[in-house]
Amino acid sequence: MTVALDHRPTAGGLPVPFACEDDGGALDHAHVVKRRAIRCALSRICGICGETLSRPIAFFGPESEGDAGLFTFPPVHLPCANAALDLFVPIGGSHLGQVEAPLRWTLVTTGGFDLIRPTRRGDGVTFRPNSVIETRSVE
């Protein structure tokens, strides 16, 4: 693991990303906390480590999110994305805001993004990368 994940609180022996911890301290690998996701976007902080973002910005998610160009996990540093995918993808299960483990993940690096707010109460936010630099599959 990298330093980005080393300082995060743990649940079940695994670090919990910043975006998956609610403000009351509840930890859940499988769910992105909407308030935290919006905070990541508006304050330009990493959804993994909680530190200020720098460019390039990365997004990851199931292949279907990559194909649609809309991601549910907030923006992250590229090294944080790589560290999180290296840790969580091989063990499968519900992690990184995914209730079910994707068969294939997509990692996108970009210069910027748009926050897409929900149109209905209770729906989550999504993120659309713009100025895409690279897209790659992760298995």
N, C-alpha and C. Protein backbone atom coordinates (compact mmCIF):
# COMPACT_ATOMS: atom_id res chain seq x y z
N MET A 1 0.83 -1.19 0.00
CA MET A 1 0.00 0.00 0.00
C MET A 1 0.87 1.25 0.00
N THR A 2 0.34 2.32 -0.53
CA THR A 2 1.07 3.57 -0.53
C THR A 2 0.68 4.39 0.69
N VAL A 3 1.38 5.47 0.87
CA VAL A 3 1.10 6.37 1.98
C VAL A 3 -0.34 6.90 1.88
N ALA A 4 -0.85 7.08 0.67
CA ALA A 4 -2.21 7.60 0.47
C ALA A 4 -3.24 6.74 1.19
N LEU A 5 -3.04 5.45 1.22
CA LEU A 5 -3.99 4.55 1.89
C LEU A 5 -3.56 4.23 3.32
N ASP A 6 -2.28 4.34 3.59
CA ASP A 6 -1.77 3.97 4.91
C ASP A 6 -2.35 4.81 6.04
N HIS A 7 -2.64 6.08 5.79
CA HIS A 7 -3.13 6.94 6.87
C HIS A 7 -4.66 6.94 7.01
N ARG A 8 -5.35 6.19 6.18
CA ARG A 8 -6.81 6.14 6.24
C ARG A 8 -7.27 5.19 7.35
N PRO A 9 -8.44 5.47 7.96
CA PRO A 9 -8.99 4.53 8.94
C PRO A 9 -9.33 3.20 8.25
N THR A 10 -9.41 2.15 9.02
CA THR A 10 -9.68 0.83 8.44
C THR A 10 -10.99 0.25 8.93
N ALA A 11 -11.52 -0.63 8.12
CA ALA A 11 -12.70 -1.43 8.48
C ALA A 11 -12.44 -2.81 7.90
N GLY A 12 -12.56 -3.83 8.71
CA GLY A 12 -12.29 -5.19 8.24
C GLY A 12 -10.85 -5.38 7.80
N GLY A 13 -9.94 -4.60 8.37
CA GLY A 13 -8.52 -4.71 8.03
C GLY A 13 -8.10 -4.00 6.77
N LEU A 14 -9.02 -3.31 6.11
CA LEU A 14 -8.71 -2.59 4.86
C LEU A 14 -8.94 -1.10 5.04
N PRO A 15 -8.12 -0.26 4.40
CA PRO A 15 -8.32 1.18 4.50
C PRO A 15 -9.62 1.60 3.81
N VAL A 16 -10.25 2.60 4.38
CA VAL A 16 -11.50 3.12 3.83
C VAL A 16 -11.22 4.46 3.15
N PRO A 17 -11.55 4.59 1.87
CA PRO A 17 -11.33 5.86 1.17
C PRO A 17 -12.09 7.01 1.83
N PHE A 18 -11.55 8.20 1.71
CA PHE A 18 -12.16 9.42 2.26
C PHE A 18 -13.62 9.54 1.84
N ALA A 19 -13.93 9.26 0.58
CA ALA A 19 -15.29 9.42 0.06
C ALA A 19 -16.27 8.39 0.62
N CYS A 20 -15.77 7.36 1.28
CA CYS A 20 -16.63 6.30 1.82
C CYS A 20 -16.78 6.38 3.33
N GLU A 21 -16.34 7.48 3.92
CA GLU A 21 -16.45 7.70 5.36
C GLU A 21 -17.40 8.86 5.58
N ASP A 22 -18.44 8.66 6.39
CA ASP A 22 -19.32 9.80 6.61
C ASP A 22 -18.75 10.70 7.71
N ASP A 23 -19.32 11.89 7.84
CA ASP A 23 -18.79 12.87 8.78
C ASP A 23 -18.91 12.42 10.23
N GLY A 24 -19.76 11.43 10.49
CA GLY A 24 -19.89 10.88 11.84
C GLY A 24 -18.88 9.79 12.13
N GLY A 25 -18.08 9.43 11.14
CA GLY A 25 -17.04 8.43 11.33
C GLY A 25 -17.42 7.03 10.89
N ALA A 26 -18.65 6.83 10.36
CA ALA A 26 -19.04 5.51 9.87
C ALA A 26 -18.23 5.17 8.63
N LEU A 27 -17.78 3.92 8.55
CA LEU A 27 -16.90 3.47 7.47
C LEU A 27 -17.57 2.38 6.66
N ASP A 28 -17.50 2.50 5.32
CA ASP A 28 -18.11 1.51 4.45
C ASP A 28 -17.40 1.54 3.11
N HIS A 29 -16.72 0.46 2.77
CA HIS A 29 -15.98 0.40 1.51
C HIS A 29 -16.88 0.46 0.28
N ALA A 30 -18.12 0.01 0.41
CA ALA A 30 -18.97 -0.19 -0.76
C ALA A 30 -19.80 1.03 -1.15
N HIS A 31 -19.90 2.02 -0.30
CA HIS A 31 -20.79 3.15 -0.60
C HIS A 31 -20.05 4.48 -0.53
N VAL A 32 -20.26 5.27 -1.55
CA VAL A 32 -19.74 6.63 -1.57
C VAL A 32 -20.76 7.50 -0.83
N VAL A 33 -20.29 8.29 0.12
CA VAL A 33 -21.14 9.20 0.87
C VAL A 33 -21.35 10.46 0.02
N LYS A 34 -22.60 10.74 -0.31
CA LYS A 34 -22.92 11.83 -1.23
C LYS A 34 -22.32 13.16 -0.78
N ARG A 35 -22.44 13.48 0.49
CA ARG A 35 -21.89 14.74 1.01
C ARG A 35 -20.37 14.81 0.77
N ARG A 36 -19.69 13.69 1.00
CA ARG A 36 -18.23 13.65 0.78
C ARG A 36 -17.90 13.76 -0.71
N ALA A 37 -18.68 13.12 -1.56
CA ALA A 37 -18.43 13.18 -3.01
C ALA A 37 -18.55 14.62 -3.51
N ILE A 38 -19.57 15.32 -3.04
CA ILE A 38 -19.74 16.72 -3.44
C ILE A 38 -18.60 17.57 -2.89
N ARG A 39 -18.20 17.30 -1.66
CA ARG A 39 -17.08 18.02 -1.07
C ARG A 39 -15.80 17.81 -1.88
N CYS A 40 -15.58 16.57 -2.31
CA CYS A 40 -14.40 16.27 -3.14
C CYS A 40 -14.40 17.11 -4.41
N ALA A 41 -15.56 17.20 -5.04
CA ALA A 41 -15.66 17.93 -6.31
C ALA A 41 -15.50 19.43 -6.10
N LEU A 42 -16.23 19.99 -5.17
CA LEU A 42 -16.23 21.44 -5.00
C LEU A 42 -14.95 21.97 -4.37
N SER A 43 -14.36 21.19 -3.47
CA SER A 43 -13.12 21.62 -2.80
C SER A 43 -11.88 21.10 -3.49
N ARG A 44 -12.08 20.30 -4.56
CA ARG A 44 -10.97 19.72 -5.33
C ARG A 44 -10.05 18.92 -4.43
N ILE A 45 -10.66 17.94 -3.71
CA ILE A 45 -9.87 17.04 -2.89
C ILE A 45 -10.06 15.60 -3.33
N CYS A 46 -9.07 14.78 -3.06
CA CYS A 46 -9.03 13.39 -3.50
C CYS A 46 -10.02 12.52 -2.73
N GLY A 47 -10.78 11.72 -3.45
CA GLY A 47 -11.74 10.81 -2.84
C GLY A 47 -11.10 9.64 -2.11
N ILE A 48 -9.81 9.42 -2.31
CA ILE A 48 -9.10 8.34 -1.61
C ILE A 48 -8.43 8.88 -0.35
N CYS A 49 -7.55 9.87 -0.50
CA CYS A 49 -6.74 10.32 0.64
C CYS A 49 -7.29 11.55 1.34
N GLY A 50 -8.16 12.33 0.68
CA GLY A 50 -8.72 13.53 1.29
C GLY A 50 -7.83 14.76 1.20
N GLU A 51 -6.74 14.66 0.43
CA GLU A 51 -5.82 15.80 0.27
C GLU A 51 -6.16 16.56 -1.02
N THR A 52 -5.64 17.79 -1.13
CA THR A 52 -5.88 18.64 -2.30
C THR A 52 -5.45 17.94 -3.58
N LEU A 53 -6.30 18.02 -4.60
CA LEU A 53 -6.00 17.40 -5.90
C LEU A 53 -4.99 18.22 -6.69
N SER A 54 -4.20 17.53 -7.48
CA SER A 54 -3.32 18.14 -8.46
C SER A 54 -3.58 17.42 -9.78
N ARG A 55 -3.07 17.97 -10.86
CA ARG A 55 -3.30 17.35 -12.16
C ARG A 55 -2.19 16.39 -12.50
N PRO A 56 -2.44 15.33 -13.24
CA PRO A 56 -3.75 14.98 -13.79
C PRO A 56 -4.67 14.42 -12.71
N ILE A 57 -5.94 14.55 -12.97
CA ILE A 57 -6.99 14.01 -12.10
C ILE A 57 -7.37 12.65 -12.66
N ALA A 58 -7.72 11.72 -11.78
CA ALA A 58 -8.10 10.38 -12.24
C ALA A 58 -9.51 10.04 -11.77
N PHE A 59 -10.17 9.22 -12.57
CA PHE A 59 -11.46 8.62 -12.22
C PHE A 59 -11.36 7.14 -12.50
N PHE A 60 -12.02 6.34 -11.68
CA PHE A 60 -12.09 4.90 -11.94
C PHE A 60 -13.49 4.42 -11.63
N GLY A 61 -13.82 3.31 -12.26
CA GLY A 61 -15.13 2.70 -12.04
C GLY A 61 -15.27 1.50 -12.94
N PRO A 62 -16.42 0.85 -12.86
CA PRO A 62 -16.67 -0.31 -13.73
C PRO A 62 -16.58 0.10 -15.19
N GLU A 63 -16.32 -0.88 -16.03
CA GLU A 63 -16.22 -0.64 -17.47
C GLU A 63 -17.45 0.11 -18.00
N SER A 64 -18.63 -0.19 -17.47
CA SER A 64 -19.86 0.47 -17.93
C SER A 64 -19.82 1.97 -17.66
N GLU A 65 -19.24 2.39 -16.52
CA GLU A 65 -19.11 3.81 -16.24
C GLU A 65 -18.10 4.45 -17.19
N GLY A 66 -17.02 3.75 -17.48
CA GLY A 66 -16.04 4.25 -18.43
C GLY A 66 -16.64 4.44 -19.81
N ASP A 67 -17.45 3.45 -20.23
CA ASP A 67 -18.10 3.55 -21.54
C ASP A 67 -19.07 4.73 -21.60
N ALA A 68 -19.77 4.98 -20.50
CA ALA A 68 -20.74 6.08 -20.44
C ALA A 68 -20.06 7.43 -20.22
N GLY A 69 -18.83 7.41 -19.71
CA GLY A 69 -18.14 8.66 -19.40
C GLY A 69 -18.68 9.34 -18.15
N LEU A 70 -19.33 8.58 -17.28
CA LEU A 70 -19.88 9.09 -16.03
C LEU A 70 -19.45 8.18 -14.88
N PHE A 71 -18.81 8.74 -13.88
CA PHE A 71 -18.27 7.95 -12.78
C PHE A 71 -18.96 8.31 -11.47
N THR A 72 -19.17 7.31 -10.62
CA THR A 72 -19.80 7.53 -9.32
C THR A 72 -18.79 7.83 -8.22
N PHE A 73 -17.54 7.36 -8.37
CA PHE A 73 -16.52 7.67 -7.37
C PHE A 73 -15.92 9.03 -7.70
N PRO A 74 -15.72 9.88 -6.70
CA PRO A 74 -15.22 11.23 -6.96
C PRO A 74 -13.78 11.25 -7.49
N PRO A 75 -13.31 12.42 -7.89
CA PRO A 75 -11.96 12.55 -8.45
C PRO A 75 -10.88 12.16 -7.45
N VAL A 76 -9.78 11.64 -7.98
CA VAL A 76 -8.66 11.19 -7.13
C VAL A 76 -7.33 11.53 -7.80
N HIS A 77 -6.26 11.52 -6.98
CA HIS A 77 -4.91 11.60 -7.54
C HIS A 77 -4.64 10.33 -8.33
N LEU A 78 -3.86 10.41 -9.37
CA LEU A 78 -3.51 9.22 -10.15
C LEU A 78 -2.79 8.18 -9.29
N PRO A 79 -1.80 8.55 -8.46
CA PRO A 79 -1.17 7.53 -7.61
C PRO A 79 -2.16 6.89 -6.61
N CYS A 80 -3.11 7.67 -6.12
CA CYS A 80 -4.12 7.12 -5.21
C CYS A 80 -5.03 6.13 -5.95
N ALA A 81 -5.40 6.46 -7.18
CA ALA A 81 -6.22 5.56 -7.98
C ALA A 81 -5.49 4.24 -8.21
N ASN A 82 -4.23 4.34 -8.61
CA ASN A 82 -3.46 3.12 -8.86
C ASN A 82 -3.31 2.29 -7.59
N ALA A 83 -3.04 2.93 -6.46
CA ALA A 83 -2.90 2.20 -5.20
C ALA A 83 -4.20 1.53 -4.79
N ALA A 84 -5.32 2.24 -4.94
CA ALA A 84 -6.62 1.68 -4.57
C ALA A 84 -6.98 0.50 -5.47
N LEU A 85 -6.77 0.65 -6.77
CA LEU A 85 -7.08 -0.44 -7.70
C LEU A 85 -6.16 -1.63 -7.45
N ASP A 86 -4.87 -1.37 -7.18
CA ASP A 86 -3.94 -2.46 -6.89
C ASP A 86 -4.36 -3.24 -5.65
N LEU A 87 -4.91 -2.55 -4.66
CA LEU A 87 -5.32 -3.21 -3.42
C LEU A 87 -6.66 -3.91 -3.56
N PHE A 88 -7.67 -3.23 -4.07
CA PHE A 88 -9.03 -3.73 -4.02
C PHE A 88 -9.45 -4.63 -5.18
N VAL A 89 -8.95 -4.38 -6.39
CA VAL A 89 -9.38 -5.18 -7.55
C VAL A 89 -9.07 -6.67 -7.37
N PRO A 90 -7.86 -7.04 -6.94
CA PRO A 90 -7.56 -8.48 -6.81
C PRO A 90 -8.41 -9.22 -5.77
N ILE A 91 -8.89 -8.51 -4.75
CA ILE A 91 -9.67 -9.22 -3.71
C ILE A 91 -11.15 -9.27 -4.03
N GLY A 92 -11.60 -8.53 -5.06
CA GLY A 92 -13.00 -8.55 -5.44
C GLY A 92 -13.88 -7.98 -4.34
N GLY A 93 -15.13 -8.31 -4.38
CA GLY A 93 -16.05 -7.85 -3.35
C GLY A 93 -16.52 -6.43 -3.59
N SER A 94 -17.24 -5.92 -2.61
CA SER A 94 -17.83 -4.59 -2.72
C SER A 94 -16.90 -3.56 -2.09
N HIS A 95 -16.22 -2.82 -2.93
CA HIS A 95 -15.27 -1.80 -2.51
C HIS A 95 -15.33 -0.62 -3.45
N LEU A 96 -14.72 0.48 -3.03
CA LEU A 96 -14.56 1.66 -3.88
C LEU A 96 -15.89 2.16 -4.44
N GLY A 97 -16.90 2.12 -3.59
CA GLY A 97 -18.21 2.62 -3.98
C GLY A 97 -19.01 1.68 -4.86
N GLN A 98 -18.56 0.46 -5.01
CA GLN A 98 -19.25 -0.52 -5.85
C GLN A 98 -19.87 -1.60 -4.98
N VAL A 99 -21.16 -1.80 -5.11
CA VAL A 99 -21.86 -2.82 -4.33
C VAL A 99 -21.46 -4.21 -4.83
N GLU A 100 -21.26 -4.35 -6.13
CA GLU A 100 -20.80 -5.62 -6.71
C GLU A 100 -19.44 -5.38 -7.37
N ALA A 101 -18.58 -6.37 -7.27
CA ALA A 101 -17.25 -6.24 -7.86
C ALA A 101 -17.34 -6.26 -9.39
N PRO A 102 -16.85 -5.21 -10.06
CA PRO A 102 -16.84 -5.21 -11.52
C PRO A 102 -15.86 -6.26 -12.06
N LEU A 103 -16.17 -6.81 -13.22
CA LEU A 103 -15.24 -7.72 -13.88
C LEU A 103 -14.06 -6.95 -14.46
N ARG A 104 -14.35 -5.78 -14.99
CA ARG A 104 -13.31 -4.91 -15.55
C ARG A 104 -13.53 -3.50 -15.03
N TRP A 105 -12.44 -2.85 -14.74
CA TRP A 105 -12.47 -1.46 -14.31
C TRP A 105 -11.90 -0.58 -15.41
N THR A 106 -12.29 0.68 -15.40
CA THR A 106 -11.73 1.67 -16.31
C THR A 106 -11.07 2.76 -15.47
N LEU A 107 -9.89 3.18 -15.88
CA LEU A 107 -9.17 4.27 -15.24
C LEU A 107 -8.98 5.37 -16.28
N VAL A 108 -9.46 6.56 -15.97
CA VAL A 108 -9.37 7.70 -16.88
C VAL A 108 -8.56 8.80 -16.21
N THR A 109 -7.59 9.34 -16.92
CA THR A 109 -6.89 10.53 -16.45
C THR A 109 -7.36 11.72 -17.29
N THR A 110 -7.49 12.85 -16.63
CA THR A 110 -8.11 14.00 -17.26
C THR A 110 -7.56 15.30 -16.67
N GLY A 111 -7.77 16.37 -17.38
CA GLY A 111 -7.37 17.68 -16.90
C GLY A 111 -8.46 18.35 -16.08
N GLY A 112 -9.68 17.88 -16.20
CA GLY A 112 -10.79 18.50 -15.47
C GLY A 112 -12.01 17.61 -15.50
N PHE A 113 -13.07 18.07 -14.86
CA PHE A 113 -14.30 17.29 -14.80
C PHE A 113 -15.49 18.19 -14.48
N ASP A 114 -16.67 17.64 -14.72
CA ASP A 114 -17.92 18.29 -14.36
C ASP A 114 -18.62 17.46 -13.29
N LEU A 115 -19.19 18.14 -12.32
CA LEU A 115 -20.02 17.50 -11.30
C LEU A 115 -21.44 17.50 -11.82
N ILE A 116 -22.04 16.31 -11.91
CA ILE A 116 -23.42 16.20 -12.37
C ILE A 116 -24.29 15.95 -11.13
N ARG A 117 -25.06 16.95 -10.77
CA ARG A 117 -25.91 16.83 -9.59
C ARG A 117 -27.14 16.00 -9.91
N PRO A 118 -27.68 15.30 -8.91
CA PRO A 118 -28.85 14.46 -9.15
C PRO A 118 -30.08 15.29 -9.53
N THR A 119 -30.93 14.71 -10.34
CA THR A 119 -32.17 15.39 -10.71
C THR A 119 -33.30 15.04 -9.76
N ARG A 120 -33.12 13.94 -9.01
CA ARG A 120 -34.14 13.53 -8.03
C ARG A 120 -33.50 13.40 -6.66
N ARG A 121 -34.27 13.73 -5.65
CA ARG A 121 -33.80 13.61 -4.27
C ARG A 121 -33.45 12.15 -3.99
N GLY A 122 -32.32 11.94 -3.35
CA GLY A 122 -31.90 10.59 -2.98
C GLY A 122 -30.95 9.95 -3.98
N ASP A 123 -30.91 10.47 -5.21
CA ASP A 123 -29.97 9.94 -6.20
C ASP A 123 -28.57 10.46 -5.89
N GLY A 124 -27.57 9.71 -6.34
CA GLY A 124 -26.18 10.11 -6.13
C GLY A 124 -25.71 11.11 -7.17
N VAL A 125 -24.54 11.63 -6.93
CA VAL A 125 -23.90 12.53 -7.90
C VAL A 125 -23.02 11.69 -8.82
N THR A 126 -22.73 12.23 -9.98
CA THR A 126 -21.80 11.59 -10.90
C THR A 126 -20.80 12.64 -11.39
N PHE A 127 -19.75 12.14 -12.01
CA PHE A 127 -18.66 13.00 -12.46
C PHE A 127 -18.35 12.67 -13.91
N ARG A 128 -18.23 13.72 -14.74
CA ARG A 128 -17.91 13.54 -16.15
C ARG A 128 -16.54 14.15 -16.42
N PRO A 129 -15.55 13.30 -16.70
CA PRO A 129 -14.23 13.84 -17.06
C PRO A 129 -14.31 14.62 -18.37
N ASN A 130 -13.58 15.74 -18.42
CA ASN A 130 -13.43 16.45 -19.69
C ASN A 130 -11.93 16.61 -19.92
N SER A 131 -11.54 16.94 -21.08
CA SER A 131 -10.11 17.04 -21.40
C SER A 131 -9.38 15.73 -21.07
N VAL A 132 -9.96 14.61 -21.52
CA VAL A 132 -9.42 13.28 -21.20
C VAL A 132 -8.03 13.12 -21.80
N ILE A 133 -7.10 12.63 -20.97
CA ILE A 133 -5.73 12.42 -21.38
C ILE A 133 -5.52 10.97 -21.81
N GLU A 134 -6.03 10.04 -20.98
CA GLU A 134 -5.84 8.61 -21.25
C GLU A 134 -6.97 7.81 -20.62
N THR A 135 -7.34 6.73 -21.27
CA THR A 135 -8.31 5.78 -20.74
C THR A 135 -7.70 4.39 -20.86
N ARG A 136 -7.76 3.62 -19.77
CA ARG A 136 -7.24 2.25 -19.83
C ARG A 136 -8.10 1.31 -19.00
N SER A 137 -8.09 0.05 -19.38
CA SER A 137 -8.82 -0.99 -18.66
C SER A 137 -7.93 -1.60 -17.58
N VAL A 138 -8.56 -1.98 -16.47
CA VAL A 138 -7.87 -2.63 -15.36
C VAL A 138 -8.65 -3.88 -15.02
N GLU A 139 -7.94 -5.01 -14.96
CA GLU A 139 -8.60 -6.26 -14.60
C GLU A 139 -8.01 -6.85 -13.36
